[in-house]
C-alpha atoms as a PDB file:
ATOM      1  CA  ARG A   1      84.832 265.181 221.949  1.00  0.00           C
ATOM      2  CA  ALA A   2      82.065 266.526 219.778  1.00  0.00           C
ATOM      3  CA  ARG A   3      82.252 270.191 218.945  1.00  0.00           C
ATOM      4  CA  SER A   4      79.207 272.355 219.300  1.00  0.00           C
ATOM      5  CA  PRO A   5      80.236 275.880 218.298  1.00  0.00           C
ATOM      6  CA  LEU A   6      78.527 278.932 219.724  1.00  0.00           C
ATOM      7  CA  ILE A   7      77.732 280.003 216.210  1.00  0.00           C
ATOM      8  CA  SER A   8      77.440 278.023 213.025  1.00  0.00           C
ATOM      9  CA  PRO A   9      80.646 277.868 210.975  1.00  0.00           C
ATOM     10  CA  THR A  10      80.617 280.080 207.913  1.00  0.00           C
ATOM     11  CA  GLY A  11      81.793 278.216 204.842  1.00  0.00           C
ATOM     12  CA  ASP A  12      83.858 275.055 204.755  1.00  0.00           C
ATOM     13  CA  ASP A  13      87.137 276.510 206.010  1.00  0.00           C
ATOM     14  CA  PRO A  14      88.274 274.408 209.029  1.00  0.00           C
ATOM     15  CA  GLN A  15      90.487 277.277 210.236  1.00  0.00           C
ATOM     16  CA  LEU A  16      87.455 279.551 210.429  1.00  0.00           C
ATOM     17  CA  ALA A  17      85.449 276.935 212.307  1.00  0.00           C
ATOM     18  CA  ARG A  18      88.218 276.607 214.927  1.00  0.00           C
ATOM     19  CA  GLN A  19      88.195 280.327 215.619  1.00  0.00           C
ATOM     20  CA  GLN A  20      84.954 279.766 217.505  1.00  0.00           C
ATOM     21  CA  LEU A  21      84.581 278.586 221.073  1.00  0.00           C
ATOM     22  CA  ASP A  22      82.795 275.382 221.840  1.00  0.00           C
ATOM     23  CA  TRP A  23      80.393 275.301 224.781  1.00  0.00           C
ATOM     24  CA  ASP A  24      82.939 273.684 227.129  1.00  0.00           C
ATOM     25  CA  GLU A  25      85.383 276.505 226.447  1.00  0.00           C
ATOM     26  CA  ALA A  26      82.661 279.110 226.896  1.00  0.00           C
ATOM     27  CA  GLN A  27      81.661 277.546 230.212  1.00  0.00           C
ATOM     28  CA  ARG A  28      85.266 277.610 231.435  1.00  0.00           C
ATOM     29  CA  LEU A  29      85.474 281.305 230.589  1.00  0.00           C
ATOM     30  CA  ALA A  30      82.192 282.014 232.386  1.00  0.00           C
ATOM     31  CA  ASP A  31      83.341 279.976 235.396  1.00  0.00           C
ATOM     32  CA  GLY A  32      86.557 282.010 235.396  1.00  0.00           C
ATOM     33  CA  GLY A  33      84.640 285.262 235.747  1.00  0.00           C
ATOM     34  CA  PHE A  34      84.477 286.364 232.115  1.00  0.00           C
ATOM     35  CA  ALA A  35      81.233 287.881 230.877  1.00  0.00           C
ATOM     36  CA  LEU A  36      79.951 286.348 227.636  1.00  0.00           C
ATOM     37  CA  GLY A  37      77.990 288.368 225.101  1.00  0.00           C
ATOM     38  CA  GLY A  38      75.679 287.713 222.189  1.00  0.00           C
ATOM     39  CA  HIS A  39      76.732 287.817 218.536  1.00  0.00           C
ATOM     40  CA  THR A  40      73.691 286.300 216.722  1.00  0.00           C
ATOM     41  CA  VAL A  41      73.128 282.585 216.204  1.00  0.00           C
ATOM     42  CA  ARG A  42      74.488 282.259 212.664  1.00  0.00           C
ATOM     43  CA  HIS A  43      76.893 285.236 212.521  1.00  0.00           C
ATOM     44  CA  THR A  44      74.417 286.965 210.248  1.00  0.00           C
ATOM     45  CA  ILE A  45      74.569 290.652 209.435  1.00  0.00           C
ATOM     46  CA  VAL A  46      71.219 291.714 210.839  1.00  0.00           C
ATOM     47  CA  ALA A  47      70.662 294.589 208.377  1.00  0.00           C
ATOM     48  CA  ARG A  48      70.347 291.941 205.645  1.00  0.00           C
ATOM     49  CA  LEU A  49      67.490 290.188 207.472  1.00  0.00           C
ATOM     50  CA  GLY A  50      63.816 290.893 207.888  1.00  0.00           C
ATOM     51  CA  THR A  51      62.672 292.341 211.194  1.00  0.00           C
ATOM     52  CA  ASP A  52      61.453 289.038 212.664  1.00  0.00           C
ATOM     53  CA  GLU A  53      64.513 287.070 211.574  1.00  0.00           C
ATOM     54  CA  ALA A  54      66.865 289.718 212.991  1.00  0.00           C
ATOM     55  CA  ARG A  55      64.955 289.679 216.284  1.00  0.00           C
ATOM     56  CA  HIS A  56      65.259 285.878 216.404  1.00  0.00           C
ATOM     57  CA  GLU A  57      69.034 286.014 215.803  1.00  0.00           C
ATOM     58  CA  ILE A  58      69.442 288.597 218.585  1.00  0.00           C
ATOM     59  CA  GLU A  59      67.136 286.919 221.113  1.00  0.00           C
ATOM     60  CA  ALA A  60      68.141 283.295 220.440  1.00  0.00           C
ATOM     61  CA  SER A  61      71.852 284.105 220.774  1.00  0.00           C
ATOM     62  CA  ARG A  62      71.306 285.513 224.268  1.00  0.00           C
ATOM     63  CA  ALA A  63      68.937 282.714 225.283  1.00  0.00           C
ATOM     64  CA  ALA A  64      71.387 280.005 224.195  1.00  0.00           C
ATOM     65  CA  ILE A  65      74.273 281.489 226.177  1.00  0.00           C
ATOM     66  CA  ILE A  66      72.121 281.882 229.289  1.00  0.00           C
ATOM     67  CA  ALA A  67      70.785 278.326 228.952  1.00  0.00           C
ATOM     68  CA  ARG A  68      74.263 276.833 228.482  1.00  0.00           C
ATOM     69  CA  THR A  69      76.165 278.847 231.108  1.00  0.00           C
ATOM     70  CA  ASP A  70      73.482 279.909 233.606  1.00  0.00           C
ATOM     71  CA  ARG A  71      75.051 283.383 233.527  1.00  0.00           C
ATOM     72  CA  PRO A  72      73.580 286.761 232.602  1.00  0.00           C
ATOM     73  CA  VAL A  73      74.218 288.097 229.103  1.00  0.00           C
ATOM     74  CA  ARG A  74      74.279 291.890 228.988  1.00  0.00           C
ATOM     75  CA  SER A  75      76.440 292.704 225.956  1.00  0.00           C
ATOM     76  CA  PHE A  76      76.234 292.168 222.222  1.00  0.00           C
ATOM     77  CA  ALA A  77      78.624 292.647 219.308  1.00  0.00           C
ATOM     78  CA  PHE A  78      77.068 292.965 215.874  1.00  0.00           C
ATOM     79  CA  PRO A  79      78.627 290.582 213.316  1.00  0.00           C
ATOM     80  CA  ASN A  80      80.946 292.565 211.098  1.00  0.00           C
ATOM     81  CA  GLY A  81      79.746 295.655 212.968  1.00  0.00           C
ATOM     82  CA  GLY A  82      80.312 298.081 210.146  1.00  0.00           C
ATOM     83  CA  ILE A  83      78.285 301.147 209.404  1.00  0.00           C
ATOM     84  CA  GLY A  84      75.200 299.857 207.629  1.00  0.00           C
ATOM     85  CA  ASP A  85      75.368 296.375 209.203  1.00  0.00           C
ATOM     86  CA  PHE A  86      72.820 297.366 211.849  1.00  0.00           C
ATOM     87  CA  SER A  87      70.435 300.222 212.511  1.00  0.00           C
ATOM     88  CA  GLY A  88      68.454 301.866 215.280  1.00  0.00           C
ATOM     89  CA  LEU A  89      65.813 299.170 214.754  1.00  0.00           C
ATOM     90  CA  HIS A  90      68.358 296.508 215.707  1.00  0.00           C
ATOM     91  CA  GLU A  91      69.588 298.521 218.677  1.00  0.00           C
ATOM     92  CA  ALA A  92      65.978 298.729 219.882  1.00  0.00           C
ATOM     93  CA  GLN A  93      65.659 294.952 219.423  1.00  0.00           C
ATOM     94  CA  LEU A  94      68.729 294.518 221.627  1.00  0.00           C
ATOM     95  CA  ALA A  95      67.199 296.639 224.363  1.00  0.00           C
ATOM     96  CA  ARG A  96      63.921 294.697 224.215  1.00  0.00           C
ATOM     97  CA  ALA A  97      65.850 291.408 224.333  1.00  0.00           C
ATOM     98  CA  GLY A  98      67.566 292.452 227.573  1.00  0.00           C
ATOM     99  CA  TYR A  99      70.999 293.608 226.401  1.00  0.00           C
ATOM    100  CA  ASP A 100      72.474 296.685 228.087  1.00  0.00           C
ATOM    101  CA  VAL A 101      75.457 297.441 225.846  1.00  0.00           C
ATOM    102  CA  HIS A 102      76.675 296.739 222.334  1.00  0.00           C
ATOM    103  CA  PHE A 103      80.004 297.066 220.583  1.00  0.00           C
ATOM    104  CA  ALA A 104      80.864 298.396 217.147  1.00  0.00           C
ATOM    105  CA  PRO A 105      84.315 298.502 215.539  1.00  0.00           C
ATOM    106  CA  PHE A 106      84.064 302.009 214.133  1.00  0.00           C
ATOM    107  CA  PRO A 107      84.791 305.208 216.040  1.00  0.00           C
ATOM    108  CA  TYR A 108      81.879 307.069 217.555  1.00  0.00           C
ATOM    109  CA  ARG A 109      80.942 310.109 215.529  1.00  0.00           C
ATOM    110  CA  PRO A 110      79.122 313.082 217.046  1.00  0.00           C
ATOM    111  CA  GLY A 111      75.513 313.016 215.961  1.00  0.00           C
ATOM    112  CA  THR A 112      75.383 309.204 215.759  1.00  0.00           C
ATOM    113  CA  LYS A 113      72.135 308.124 217.342  1.00  0.00           C
ATOM    114  CA  THR A 114      71.801 305.017 219.466  1.00  0.00           C
ATOM    115  CA  THR A 115      68.933 303.707 221.552  1.00  0.00           C
ATOM    116  CA  ILE A 116      71.302 301.956 223.948  1.00  0.00           C
ATOM    117  CA  LEU A 117      73.083 304.132 226.462  1.00  0.00           C
ATOM    118  CA  TYR A 118      76.509 302.531 226.164  1.00  0.00           C
ATOM    119  CA  THR A 119      77.635 302.059 222.593  1.00  0.00           C
ATOM    120  CA  THR A 120      81.342 301.281 222.804  1.00  0.00           C
ATOM    121  CA  GLN A 121      83.941 301.485 220.072  1.00  0.00           C
ATOM    122  CA  ARG A 122      86.618 298.862 219.444  1.00  0.00           C
ATOM    123  CA  ASP A 123      89.976 299.927 217.987  1.00  0.00           C
END
C-alpha cells in the first residue's frame, strides 16, 4: 500500500520515515478512542519561521487531521519542543487555530508565561 505520512519525512533515513504513522494507522487509533494532536505539517521548528509560515504549519496540521479522521483536534506538540523552539506568539497562534492544550518536553518553571491554560510537561 502507498504510504502517506502525517508529516513529511526529514532527510533520507528510511528508519526515520517509518517512525511516523500513515493515515490508515492514524485512523485506527482515532477509531480506537485515541485523541490525535497536531505537530506541524513538515515537523518544522516554528521559531525558525516567519509569522505567516508558522501559522500555516500550525493550522494546516490540525485541518489535515480533522479532514482525514473526522475527529476533533485539541492538542499540539511543538516539534523538538525545546526552550526557544516556540514563543508566546506561537502559543497565541495555537489558541486562534482552535487548540486547547500544548505539550513541551521541559519542566515548567515558575514565571514561565503561556497564553494557553494547560501547558503540560513531558518527562
